């Protein structure tokens, strides 16, 4: 596994852990829009679209 893939996987796991932890809290859309959500969503999309072997 390359270093870039490893770092991407860690970012995805941190994002998933945050979503799991904050699941019961009300969704703050304004805070999401100000934060690095676009990067995380792009990361999820790229991981989903990555060819599986």
PDB file of N, CA and C in Angstrom:
ATOM      1  N   UNK A   1       0.853  -1.165   0.000  1.00  0.00           N
ATOM      2  CA  UNK A   1       0.000   0.000   0.000  1.00  0.00           C
ATOM      3  C   UNK A   1       0.897   1.225   0.000  1.00  0.00           C
ATOM      4  N   UNK A   2       0.585   2.154  -0.888  1.00  0.00           N
ATOM      5  CA  UNK A   2       1.380   3.374  -0.948  1.00  0.00           C
ATOM      6  C   UNK A   2       1.067   4.283   0.234  1.00  0.00           C
ATOM      7  N   UNK A   3       1.955   5.207   0.470  1.00  0.00           N
ATOM      8  CA  UNK A   3       1.760   6.150   1.579  1.00  0.00           C
ATOM      9  C   UNK A   3       0.506   6.996   1.366  1.00  0.00           C
ATOM     10  N   UNK A   4       0.269   7.429   0.123  1.00  0.00           N
ATOM     11  CA  UNK A   4      -0.909   8.253  -0.176  1.00  0.00           C
ATOM     12  C   UNK A   4      -2.198   7.488   0.096  1.00  0.00           C
ATOM     13  N   UNK A   5      -2.239   6.223  -0.272  1.00  0.00           N
ATOM     14  CA  UNK A   5      -3.433   5.401  -0.025  1.00  0.00           C
ATOM     15  C   UNK A   5      -3.616   5.211   1.473  1.00  0.00           C
ATOM     16  N   UNK A   6      -2.544   4.979   2.198  1.00  0.00           N
ATOM     17  CA  UNK A   6      -2.624   4.812   3.642  1.00  0.00           C
ATOM     18  C   UNK A   6      -3.159   6.062   4.328  1.00  0.00           C
ATOM     19  N   UNK A   7      -2.685   7.234   3.898  1.00  0.00           N
ATOM     20  CA  UNK A   7      -3.168   8.492   4.480  1.00  0.00           C
ATOM     21  C   UNK A   7      -4.626   8.728   4.125  1.00  0.00           C
ATOM     22  N   UNK A   8      -5.002   8.403   2.905  1.00  0.00           N
ATOM     23  CA  UNK A   8      -6.400   8.539   2.490  1.00  0.00           C
ATOM     24  C   UNK A   8      -7.297   7.632   3.324  1.00  0.00           C
ATOM     25  N   UNK A   9      -6.860   6.412   3.560  1.00  0.00           N
ATOM     26  CA  UNK A   9      -7.637   5.477   4.377  1.00  0.00           C
ATOM     27  C   UNK A   9      -7.791   5.984   5.806  1.00  0.00           C
ATOM     28  N   UNK A  10      -6.731   6.562   6.361  1.00  0.00           N
ATOM     29  CA  UNK A  10      -6.815   7.112   7.718  1.00  0.00           C
ATOM     30  C   UNK A  10      -7.806   8.272   7.779  1.00  0.00           C
ATOM     31  N   UNK A  11      -7.790   9.138   6.746  1.00  0.00           N
ATOM     32  CA  UNK A  11      -8.745  10.251   6.705  1.00  0.00           C
ATOM     33  C   UNK A  11     -10.182   9.739   6.641  1.00  0.00           C
ATOM     34  N   UNK A  12     -10.403   8.708   5.839  1.00  0.00           N
ATOM     35  CA  UNK A  12     -11.741   8.122   5.736  1.00  0.00           C
ATOM     36  C   UNK A  12     -12.185   7.523   7.066  1.00  0.00           C
ATOM     37  N   UNK A  13     -11.275   6.841   7.748  1.00  0.00           N
ATOM     38  CA  UNK A  13     -11.629   6.242   9.039  1.00  0.00           C
ATOM     39  C   UNK A  13     -11.939   7.319  10.082  1.00  0.00           C
ATOM     40  N   UNK A  14     -11.151   8.402  10.100  1.00  0.00           N
ATOM     41  CA  UNK A  14     -11.427   9.496  11.041  1.00  0.00           C
ATOM     42  C   UNK A  14     -12.779  10.127  10.748  1.00  0.00           C
ATOM     43  N   UNK A  15     -13.098  10.322   9.462  1.00  0.00           N
ATOM     44  CA  UNK A  15     -14.389  10.907   9.097  1.00  0.00           C
ATOM     45  C   UNK A  15     -15.524   9.982   9.513  1.00  0.00           C
ATOM     46  N   UNK A  16     -15.367   8.677   9.290  1.00  0.00           N
ATOM     47  CA  UNK A  16     -16.403   7.723   9.684  1.00  0.00           C
ATOM     48  C   UNK A  16     -16.573   7.697  11.196  1.00  0.00           C
ATOM     49  N   UNK A  17     -15.466   7.728  11.923  1.00  0.00           N
ATOM     50  CA  UNK A  17     -15.545   7.746  13.385  1.00  0.00           C
ATOM     51  C   UNK A  17     -16.271   8.998  13.875  1.00  0.00           C
ATOM     52  N   UNK A  18     -15.995  10.136  13.250  1.00  0.00           N
ATOM     53  CA  UNK A  18     -16.666  11.377  13.632  1.00  0.00           C
ATOM     54  C   UNK A  18     -18.157  11.277  13.349  1.00  0.00           C
ATOM     55  N   UNK A  19     -18.528  10.745  12.196  1.00  0.00           N
ATOM     56  CA  UNK A  19     -19.946  10.594  11.873  1.00  0.00           C
ATOM     57  C   UNK A  19     -20.633   9.657  12.864  1.00  0.00           C
ATOM     58  N   UNK A  20     -19.982   8.556  13.198  1.00  0.00           N
ATOM     59  CA  UNK A  20     -20.558   7.610  14.163  1.00  0.00           C
ATOM     60  C   UNK A  20     -20.726   8.260  15.537  1.00  0.00           C
ATOM     61  N   UNK A  21     -19.728   9.006  15.972  1.00  0.00           N
ATOM     62  CA  UNK A  21     -19.771   9.631  17.287  1.00  0.00           C
ATOM     63  C   UNK A  21     -20.854  10.702  17.371  1.00  0.00           C
ATOM     64  N   UNK A  22     -21.012  11.465  16.289  1.00  0.00           N
ATOM     65  CA  UNK A  22     -21.935  12.596  16.298  1.00  0.00           C
ATOM     66  C   UNK A  22     -23.301  12.274  15.704  1.00  0.00           C
ATOM     67  N   UNK A  23     -23.600  11.001  15.501  1.00  0.00           N
ATOM     68  CA  UNK A  23     -24.837  10.601  14.823  1.00  0.00           C
ATOM     69  C   UNK A  23     -26.082  11.160  15.505  1.00  0.00           C
ATOM     70  N   UNK A  24     -26.142  11.137  16.818  1.00  0.00           N
ATOM     71  CA  UNK A  24     -27.343  11.544  17.548  1.00  0.00           C
ATOM     72  C   UNK A  24     -27.489  13.059  17.657  1.00  0.00           C
ATOM     73  N   UNK A  25     -26.445  13.794  17.323  1.00  0.00           N
ATOM     74  CA  UNK A  25     -26.503  15.257  17.424  1.00  0.00           C
ATOM     75  C   UNK A  25     -27.218  15.828  16.198  1.00  0.00           C
ATOM     76  N   UNK A  26     -27.859  16.989  16.358  1.00  0.00           N
ATOM     77  CA  UNK A  26     -28.487  17.643  15.209  1.00  0.00           C
ATOM     78  C   UNK A  26     -27.431  18.003  14.156  1.00  0.00           C
ATOM     79  N   UNK A  27     -27.815  17.892  12.910  1.00  0.00           N
ATOM     80  CA  UNK A  27     -26.908  18.196  11.815  1.00  0.00           C
ATOM     81  C   UNK A  27     -26.760  19.706  11.655  1.00  0.00           C
ATOM     82  N   UNK A  28     -25.532  20.191  11.713  1.00  0.00           N
ATOM     83  CA  UNK A  28     -25.243  21.614  11.557  1.00  0.00           C
ATOM     84  C   UNK A  28     -24.722  21.836  10.137  1.00  0.00           C
ATOM     85  N   UNK A  29     -25.640  22.103   9.221  1.00  0.00           N
ATOM     86  CA  UNK A  29     -25.289  22.230   7.812  1.00  0.00           C
ATOM     87  C   UNK A  29     -24.341  23.406   7.578  1.00  0.00           C
ATOM     88  N   UNK A  30     -24.565  24.507   8.271  1.00  0.00           N
ATOM     89  CA  UNK A  30     -23.693  25.678   8.093  1.00  0.00           C
ATOM     90  C   UNK A  30     -22.256  25.355   8.484  1.00  0.00           C
ATOM     91  N   UNK A  31     -22.079  24.631   9.572  1.00  0.00           N
ATOM     92  CA  UNK A  31     -20.726  24.245   9.992  1.00  0.00           C
ATOM     93  C   UNK A  31     -20.093  23.295   8.986  1.00  0.00           C
ATOM     94  N   UNK A  32     -20.890  22.396   8.432  1.00  0.00           N
ATOM     95  CA  UNK A  32     -20.368  21.482   7.418  1.00  0.00           C
ATOM     96  C   UNK A  32     -19.925  22.256   6.174  1.00  0.00           C
ATOM     97  N   UNK A  33     -20.699  23.261   5.810  1.00  0.00           N
ATOM     98  CA  UNK A  33     -20.358  24.052   4.622  1.00  0.00           C
ATOM     99  C   UNK A  33     -19.072  24.839   4.827  1.00  0.00           C
ATOM    100  N   UNK A  34     -18.800  25.244   6.074  1.00  0.00           N
ATOM    101  CA  UNK A  34     -17.571  26.002   6.352  1.00  0.00           C
ATOM    102  C   UNK A  34     -16.360  25.088   6.479  1.00  0.00           C
ATOM    103  N   UNK A  35     -16.572  23.843   6.818  1.00  0.00           N
ATOM    104  CA  UNK A  35     -15.471  22.929   7.094  1.00  0.00           C
ATOM    105  C   UNK A  35     -14.947  22.231   5.855  1.00  0.00           C
ATOM    106  N   UNK A  36     -14.065  21.281   6.070  1.00  0.00           N
ATOM    107  CA  UNK A  36     -13.431  20.562   4.953  1.00  0.00           C
ATOM    108  C   UNK A  36     -14.290  19.419   4.424  1.00  0.00           C
ATOM    109  N   UNK A  37     -15.605  19.615   4.392  1.00  0.00           N
ATOM    110  CA  UNK A  37     -16.508  18.538   3.973  1.00  0.00           C
ATOM    111  C   UNK A  37     -16.276  18.152   2.522  1.00  0.00           C
ATOM    112  N   UNK A  38     -16.034  19.129   1.672  1.00  0.00           N
ATOM    113  CA  UNK A  38     -15.830  18.826   0.260  1.00  0.00           C
ATOM    114  C   UNK A  38     -14.665  17.861   0.073  1.00  0.00           C
ATOM    115  N   UNK A  39     -13.585  18.062   0.828  1.00  0.00           N
ATOM    116  CA  UNK A  39     -12.432  17.162   0.732  1.00  0.00           C
ATOM    117  C   UNK A  39     -12.800  15.754   1.163  1.00  0.00           C
ATOM    118  N   UNK A  40     -13.560  15.650   2.252  1.00  0.00           N
ATOM    119  CA  UNK A  40     -13.946  14.333   2.752  1.00  0.00           C
ATOM    120  C   UNK A  40     -14.885  13.653   1.768  1.00  0.00           C
ATOM    121  N   UNK A  41     -15.855  14.389   1.232  1.00  0.00           N
ATOM    122  CA  UNK A  41     -16.783  13.807   0.265  1.00  0.00           C
ATOM    123  C   UNK A  41     -16.052  13.361  -0.992  1.00  0.00           C
ATOM    124  N   UNK A  42     -15.099  14.169  -1.437  1.00  0.00           N
ATOM    125  CA  UNK A  42     -14.296  13.779  -2.594  1.00  0.00           C
ATOM    126  C   UNK A  42     -13.504  12.525  -2.291  1.00  0.00           C
ATOM    127  N   UNK A  43     -12.953  12.453  -1.089  1.00  0.00           N
ATOM    128  CA  UNK A  43     -12.179  11.286  -0.678  1.00  0.00           C
ATOM    129  C   UNK A  43     -13.060  10.030  -0.663  1.00  0.00           C
ATOM    130  N   UNK A  44     -14.280  10.154  -0.103  1.00  0.00           N
ATOM    131  CA  UNK A  44     -15.211   9.021  -0.112  1.00  0.00           C
ATOM    132  C   UNK A  44     -15.535   8.595  -1.540  1.00  0.00           C
ATOM    133  N   UNK A  45     -15.822   9.574  -2.391  1.00  0.00           N
ATOM    134  CA  UNK A  45     -16.175   9.267  -3.771  1.00  0.00           C
ATOM    135  C   UNK A  45     -15.029   8.566  -4.488  1.00  0.00           C
ATOM    136  N   UNK A  46     -13.826   9.067  -4.303  1.00  0.00           N
ATOM    137  CA  UNK A  46     -12.673   8.460  -4.968  1.00  0.00           C
ATOM    138  C   UNK A  46     -12.426   7.041  -4.457  1.00  0.00           C
ATOM    139  N   UNK A  47     -12.606   6.822  -3.157  1.00  0.00           N
ATOM    140  CA  UNK A  47     -12.417   5.485  -2.605  1.00  0.00           C
ATOM    141  C   UNK A  47     -13.481   4.541  -3.148  1.00  0.00           C
ATOM    142  N   UNK A  48     -14.692   5.054  -3.317  1.00  0.00           N
ATOM    143  CA  UNK A  48     -15.785   4.212  -3.819  1.00  0.00           C
ATOM    144  C   UNK A  48     -15.566   3.847  -5.282  1.00  0.00           C
ATOM    145  N   UNK A  49     -15.055   4.807  -6.045  1.00  0.00           N
ATOM    146  CA  UNK A  49     -14.870   4.594  -7.469  1.00  0.00           C
ATOM    147  C   UNK A  49     -13.570   3.874  -7.816  1.00  0.00           C
ATOM    148  N   UNK A  50     -12.666   3.757  -6.843  1.00  0.00           N
ATOM    149  CA  UNK A  50     -11.378   3.117  -7.079  1.00  0.00           C
ATOM    150  C   UNK A  50     -11.611   1.663  -7.534  1.00  0.00           C
ATOM    151  N   UNK A  51     -10.927   1.236  -8.580  1.00  0.00           N
ATOM    152  CA  UNK A  51     -11.110  -0.151  -9.045  1.00  0.00           C
ATOM    153  C   UNK A  51     -10.734  -1.152  -7.946  1.00  0.00           C
ATOM    154  N   UNK A  52     -11.533  -2.159  -7.829  1.00  0.00           N
ATOM    155  CA  UNK A  52     -11.276  -3.200  -6.842  1.00  0.00           C
ATOM    156  C   UNK A  52     -10.717  -4.423  -7.544  1.00  0.00           C
ATOM    157  N   UNK A  53      -9.730  -5.009  -6.918  1.00  0.00           N
ATOM    158  CA  UNK A  53      -9.068  -6.111  -7.599  1.00  0.00           C
ATOM    159  C   UNK A  53      -9.204  -7.377  -6.981  1.00  0.00           C
TER     160      UNK A  53
END
